[in-house]
Amino acid sequence: MVLATTSASKYYIEFDGLTEMPIKSVAEVSYDSKTTGFENPIESTKQGKTNRQTTPGGFASNPSIKIEAYLCGDPSSASKKLNQWFQSCVPASDGGGASWRNSRKNASIVIYAPDGDKEAVRYNIYGAWIKSYGMADTDATGGDLAVETYDFVCERIERVTSNAGATGT
């Protein structure tokens, strides 16, 4: 049996109301769980052997996503759309729109099969909002394009696998 795999270079991400956004990269999707019970033995058996048990203890933090977009002032660019969303989440005391609670959005990240026509995997993201923003270093002697980084927090991530994108022989 040959396993069907896909590349990480054909993808698309959209948020509620924010579509057609060319994104440089989705750098990280993470969901870290806490574990409990491994610190101390839970019992001692014959011949003095101890047993330990590790159990899930909830999650260490909310799921997070890191997205990079090329810096651009065009109103239809991902850079402009994401920055406007970020500004709406910034507290009023810092000059923002102070509506992070009302600015949560659902999203989907789609990874396409190598031919680019079919979905291989979809991640549905619920209740996301931008928690931080950063811009890459600038350098008068450099030749790189300017990149912005947006870190998102969300309530939940759900992986949906599609067999339609499976390839292999």
C-alpha atoms as a PDB file:
ATOM      1  CA  MET A   1       0.000   0.000   0.000  1.00  0.00           C
ATOM      2  CA  VAL A   2       1.319   3.437  -0.937  1.00  0.00           C
ATOM      3  CA  LEU A   3       0.355   6.266   1.356  1.00  0.00           C
ATOM      4  CA  ALA A   4      -1.002   9.413  -0.265  1.00  0.00           C
ATOM      5  CA  THR A   5       0.927  12.505   0.761  1.00  0.00           C
ATOM      6  CA  THR A   6       0.781  16.119  -0.291  1.00  0.00           C
ATOM      7  CA  SER A   7       3.074  19.118  -0.372  1.00  0.00           C
ATOM      8  CA  ALA A   8       2.790  22.096   1.954  1.00  0.00           C
ATOM      9  CA  SER A   9       3.034  24.676  -0.838  1.00  0.00           C
ATOM     10  CA  LYS A  10      -0.541  24.600  -2.155  1.00  0.00           C
ATOM     11  CA  TYR A  11      -2.921  26.044   0.416  1.00  0.00           C
ATOM     12  CA  TYR A  12      -5.579  28.647   0.983  1.00  0.00           C
ATOM     13  CA  ILE A  13      -6.885  30.359   4.105  1.00  0.00           C
ATOM     14  CA  GLU A  14      -9.979  32.456   4.529  1.00  0.00           C
ATOM     15  CA  PHE A  15     -11.756  34.009   7.480  1.00  0.00           C
ATOM     16  CA  ASP A  16     -15.397  35.020   7.767  1.00  0.00           C
ATOM     17  CA  GLY A  17     -15.702  38.079   5.516  1.00  0.00           C
ATOM     18  CA  LEU A  18     -12.023  37.971   4.503  1.00  0.00           C
ATOM     19  CA  THR A  19     -11.463  36.028   1.298  1.00  0.00           C
ATOM     20  CA  GLU A  20      -9.156  36.205  -1.708  1.00  0.00           C
ATOM     21  CA  MET A  21      -6.156  36.953   0.501  1.00  0.00           C
ATOM     22  CA  PRO A  22      -2.813  35.790  -0.889  1.00  0.00           C
ATOM     23  CA  ILE A  23      -0.838  34.631   2.163  1.00  0.00           C
ATOM     24  CA  LYS A  24       2.934  34.023   2.202  1.00  0.00           C
ATOM     25  CA  SER A  25       2.745  31.251   4.783  1.00  0.00           C
ATOM     26  CA  VAL A  26       0.816  29.635   7.558  1.00  0.00           C
ATOM     27  CA  ALA A  27       3.818  29.147   9.790  1.00  0.00           C
ATOM     28  CA  GLU A  28       2.293  27.328  12.714  1.00  0.00           C
ATOM     29  CA  VAL A  29      -0.934  25.700  13.796  1.00  0.00           C
ATOM     30  CA  SER A  30      -0.566  24.412  17.341  1.00  0.00           C
ATOM     31  CA  TYR A  31      -2.692  23.013  20.119  1.00  0.00           C
ATOM     32  CA  ASP A  32      -0.711  22.044  23.240  1.00  0.00           C
ATOM     33  CA  SER A  33      -2.227  19.806  25.890  1.00  0.00           C
ATOM     34  CA  LYS A  34      -1.228  19.596  29.519  1.00  0.00           C
ATOM     35  CA  THR A  35      -0.416  16.261  31.066  1.00  0.00           C
ATOM     36  CA  THR A  36      -0.750  15.239  34.660  1.00  0.00           C
ATOM     37  CA  GLY A  37       0.143  12.255  36.790  1.00  0.00           C
ATOM     38  CA  PHE A  38       3.642  11.602  35.485  1.00  0.00           C
ATOM     39  CA  GLU A  39       5.449  13.504  38.252  1.00  0.00           C
ATOM     40  CA  ASN A  40       4.983  10.854  40.930  1.00  0.00           C
ATOM     41  CA  PRO A  41       4.430   7.102  41.001  1.00  0.00           C
ATOM     42  CA  ILE A  42       0.808   6.102  41.488  1.00  0.00           C
ATOM     43  CA  GLU A  43       1.528   2.686  42.977  1.00  0.00           C
ATOM     44  CA  SER A  44       4.200   0.242  44.020  1.00  0.00           C
ATOM     45  CA  THR A  45       4.006  -3.409  43.005  1.00  0.00           C
ATOM     46  CA  LYS A  46       5.725  -6.656  43.925  1.00  0.00           C
ATOM     47  CA  GLN A  47       9.516  -6.378  43.979  1.00  0.00           C
ATOM     48  CA  GLY A  48       9.201  -2.619  44.602  1.00  0.00           C
ATOM     49  CA  LYS A  49       8.456  -1.625  41.010  1.00  0.00           C
ATOM     50  CA  THR A  50       6.555   1.603  40.642  1.00  0.00           C
ATOM     51  CA  ASN A  51       3.967   2.460  38.029  1.00  0.00           C
ATOM     52  CA  ARG A  52       3.176   5.854  36.646  1.00  0.00           C
ATOM     53  CA  GLN A  53       0.228   7.047  34.631  1.00  0.00           C
ATOM     54  CA  THR A  54       0.065  10.057  32.363  1.00  0.00           C
ATOM     55  CA  THR A  55      -3.353  11.552  31.730  1.00  0.00           C
ATOM     56  CA  PRO A  56      -4.554  14.557  29.782  1.00  0.00           C
ATOM     57  CA  GLY A  57      -5.128  17.549  32.012  1.00  0.00           C
ATOM     58  CA  GLY A  58      -6.789  19.962  29.620  1.00  0.00           C
ATOM     59  CA  PHE A  59      -4.946  22.346  27.378  1.00  0.00           C
ATOM     60  CA  ALA A  60      -1.972  24.535  28.246  1.00  0.00           C
ATOM     61  CA  SER A  61      -3.272  27.348  26.063  1.00  0.00           C
ATOM     62  CA  ASN A  62      -5.799  28.063  23.378  1.00  0.00           C
ATOM     63  CA  PRO A  63      -4.992  26.833  19.892  1.00  0.00           C
ATOM     64  CA  SER A  64      -2.831  29.272  17.951  1.00  0.00           C
ATOM     65  CA  ILE A  65      -1.956  30.047  14.344  1.00  0.00           C
ATOM     66  CA  LYS A  66       0.850  32.149  12.851  1.00  0.00           C
ATOM     67  CA  ILE A  67       0.319  33.710   9.419  1.00  0.00           C
ATOM     68  CA  GLU A  68       2.772  35.717   7.315  1.00  0.00           C
ATOM     69  CA  ALA A  69       1.672  38.172   4.630  1.00  0.00           C
ATOM     70  CA  TYR A  70       3.674  40.504   2.399  1.00  0.00           C
ATOM     71  CA  LEU A  71       3.420  44.147   3.480  1.00  0.00           C
ATOM     72  CA  CYS A  72       1.196  46.011   1.027  1.00  0.00           C
ATOM     73  CA  GLY A  73      -1.028  49.091   1.216  1.00  0.00           C
ATOM     74  CA  ASP A  74      -3.494  47.995  -1.464  1.00  0.00           C
ATOM     75  CA  PRO A  75      -7.002  47.789   0.085  1.00  0.00           C
ATOM     76  CA  SER A  76      -7.555  44.305  -1.390  1.00  0.00           C
ATOM     77  CA  SER A  77      -4.268  42.888  -0.022  1.00  0.00           C
ATOM     78  CA  ALA A  78      -4.081  40.401   2.829  1.00  0.00           C
ATOM     79  CA  SER A  79      -1.739  42.841   4.578  1.00  0.00           C
ATOM     80  CA  LYS A  80      -4.313  45.648   4.611  1.00  0.00           C
ATOM     81  CA  LYS A  81      -7.291  43.413   5.486  1.00  0.00           C
ATOM     82  CA  LEU A  82      -5.469  41.662   8.340  1.00  0.00           C
ATOM     83  CA  ASN A  83      -4.120  44.936   9.726  1.00  0.00           C
ATOM     84  CA  GLN A  84      -7.607  46.488   9.761  1.00  0.00           C
ATOM     85  CA  TRP A  85      -8.885  43.442  11.626  1.00  0.00           C
ATOM     86  CA  PHE A  86      -5.968  43.658  14.076  1.00  0.00           C
ATOM     87  CA  GLN A  87      -6.654  47.365  14.699  1.00  0.00           C
ATOM     88  CA  SER A  88     -10.270  46.547  15.533  1.00  0.00           C
ATOM     89  CA  CYS A  89      -9.018  44.153  18.243  1.00  0.00           C
ATOM     90  CA  VAL A  90      -6.554  46.579  19.870  1.00  0.00           C
ATOM     91  CA  PRO A  91      -7.802  48.085  23.172  1.00  0.00           C
ATOM     92  CA  ALA A  92      -9.202  51.637  22.966  1.00  0.00           C
ATOM     93  CA  SER A  93      -6.546  52.762  25.463  1.00  0.00           C
ATOM     94  CA  ASP A  94      -3.964  51.894  22.809  1.00  0.00           C
ATOM     95  CA  GLY A  95      -5.808  53.613  19.970  1.00  0.00           C
ATOM     96  CA  GLY A  96      -7.668  50.600  18.628  1.00  0.00           C
ATOM     97  CA  GLY A  97     -11.263  49.693  18.038  1.00  0.00           C
ATOM     98  CA  ALA A  98     -11.570  47.755  21.314  1.00  0.00           C
ATOM     99  CA  SER A  99     -13.885  45.160  19.848  1.00  0.00           C
ATOM    100  CA  TRP A 100     -11.841  41.958  20.053  1.00  0.00           C
ATOM    101  CA  ARG A 101     -14.818  40.153  21.566  1.00  0.00           C
ATOM    102  CA  ASN A 102     -16.983  41.079  18.565  1.00  0.00           C
ATOM    103  CA  SER A 103     -14.138  40.576  16.072  1.00  0.00           C
ATOM    104  CA  ARG A 104     -13.732  36.828  16.426  1.00  0.00           C
ATOM    105  CA  LYS A 105     -13.971  34.986  13.125  1.00  0.00           C
ATOM    106  CA  ASN A 106     -14.219  31.416  11.952  1.00  0.00           C
ATOM    107  CA  ALA A 107     -11.783  30.288   9.292  1.00  0.00           C
ATOM    108  CA  SER A 108     -10.621  27.412   7.133  1.00  0.00           C
ATOM    109  CA  ILE A 109      -7.126  26.421   6.081  1.00  0.00           C
ATOM    110  CA  VAL A 110      -7.187  24.139   3.049  1.00  0.00           C
ATOM    111  CA  ILE A 111      -4.158  22.102   1.968  1.00  0.00           C
ATOM    112  CA  TYR A 112      -4.485  20.981  -1.642  1.00  0.00           C
ATOM    113  CA  ALA A 113      -3.332  17.764  -3.287  1.00  0.00           C
ATOM    114  CA  PRO A 114      -0.165  18.118  -5.424  1.00  0.00           C
ATOM    115  CA  ASP A 115      -2.222  18.719  -8.588  1.00  0.00           C
ATOM    116  CA  GLY A 116      -3.813  21.721  -6.845  1.00  0.00           C
ATOM    117  CA  ASP A 117      -7.336  20.745  -7.875  1.00  0.00           C
ATOM    118  CA  LYS A 118      -8.579  18.804  -4.870  1.00  0.00           C
ATOM    119  CA  GLU A 119      -8.581  19.332  -1.124  1.00  0.00           C
ATOM    120  CA  ALA A 120      -6.323  16.943   0.771  1.00  0.00           C
ATOM    121  CA  VAL A 121      -6.964  18.309   4.270  1.00  0.00           C
ATOM    122  CA  ARG A 122      -9.056  21.115   5.719  1.00  0.00           C
ATOM    123  CA  TYR A 123      -8.672  22.678   9.148  1.00  0.00           C
ATOM    124  CA  ASN A 124     -11.748  24.486  10.449  1.00  0.00           C
ATOM    125  CA  ILE A 125     -10.923  27.174  12.973  1.00  0.00           C
ATOM    126  CA  TYR A 126     -13.477  28.627  15.360  1.00  0.00           C
ATOM    127  CA  GLY A 127     -13.501  31.935  17.257  1.00  0.00           C
ATOM    128  CA  ALA A 128     -10.146  33.285  16.010  1.00  0.00           C
ATOM    129  CA  TRP A 129      -8.817  36.760  16.694  1.00  0.00           C
ATOM    130  CA  ILE A 130      -5.411  38.407  16.228  1.00  0.00           C
ATOM    131  CA  LYS A 131      -3.451  38.598  19.469  1.00  0.00           C
ATOM    132  CA  SER A 132      -0.214  40.062  18.114  1.00  0.00           C
ATOM    133  CA  TYR A 133       1.344  41.694  15.083  1.00  0.00           C
ATOM    134  CA  GLY A 134       4.940  42.064  13.980  1.00  0.00           C
ATOM    135  CA  MET A 135       6.908  43.240  10.979  1.00  0.00           C
ATOM    136  CA  ALA A 136      10.143  41.692   9.769  1.00  0.00           C
ATOM    137  CA  ASP A 137      13.386  43.640  10.062  1.00  0.00           C
ATOM    138  CA  THR A 138      14.078  46.236   7.407  1.00  0.00           C
ATOM    139  CA  ASP A 139      17.538  46.760   5.967  1.00  0.00           C
ATOM    140  CA  ALA A 140      18.719  49.308   3.388  1.00  0.00           C
ATOM    141  CA  THR A 141      21.150  46.732   1.977  1.00  0.00           C
ATOM    142  CA  GLY A 142      18.676  43.863   1.955  1.00  0.00           C
ATOM    143  CA  GLY A 143      16.749  42.521  -0.981  1.00  0.00           C
ATOM    144  CA  ASP A 144      13.908  40.720   0.775  1.00  0.00           C
ATOM    145  CA  LEU A 145      10.255  41.684   0.562  1.00  0.00           C
ATOM    146  CA  ALA A 146       8.748  43.142   3.745  1.00  0.00           C
ATOM    147  CA  VAL A 147       6.700  40.588   5.680  1.00  0.00           C
ATOM    148  CA  GLU A 148       4.144  41.006   8.457  1.00  0.00           C
ATOM    149  CA  THR A 149       3.402  38.307  11.013  1.00  0.00           C
ATOM    150  CA  TYR A 150       0.012  37.862  12.658  1.00  0.00           C
ATOM    151  CA  ASP A 151      -0.448  35.547  15.642  1.00  0.00           C
ATOM    152  CA  PHE A 152      -3.977  34.291  16.167  1.00  0.00           C
ATOM    153  CA  VAL A 153      -5.668  32.674  19.139  1.00  0.00           C
ATOM    154  CA  CYS A 154      -8.799  30.615  18.618  1.00  0.00           C
ATOM    155  CA  GLU A 155     -11.309  28.589  20.561  1.00  0.00           C
ATOM    156  CA  ARG A 156     -10.971  25.337  18.644  1.00  0.00           C
ATOM    157  CA  ILE A 157      -9.324  23.724  15.604  1.00  0.00           C
ATOM    158  CA  GLU A 158     -10.906  20.780  13.851  1.00  0.00           C
ATOM    159  CA  ARG A 159      -9.106  18.720  11.202  1.00  0.00           C
ATOM    160  CA  VAL A 160     -11.327  17.460   8.396  1.00  0.00           C
ATOM    161  CA  THR A 161      -9.689  15.016   6.012  1.00  0.00           C
ATOM    162  CA  SER A 162     -10.896  14.725   2.459  1.00  0.00           C
ATOM    163  CA  ASN A 163     -10.330  11.534   0.474  1.00  0.00           C
ATOM    164  CA  ALA A 164     -10.960  13.474  -2.732  1.00  0.00           C
ATOM    165  CA  GLY A 165      -7.376  14.777  -2.674  1.00  0.00           C
ATOM    166  CA  ALA A 166      -5.683  11.451  -2.094  1.00  0.00           C
ATOM    167  CA  THR A 167      -3.079  10.514  -4.678  1.00  0.00           C
ATOM    168  CA  GLY A 168      -0.883   7.495  -4.991  1.00  0.00           C
ATOM    169  CA  THR A 169      -0.544   4.234  -6.872  1.00  0.00           C
END
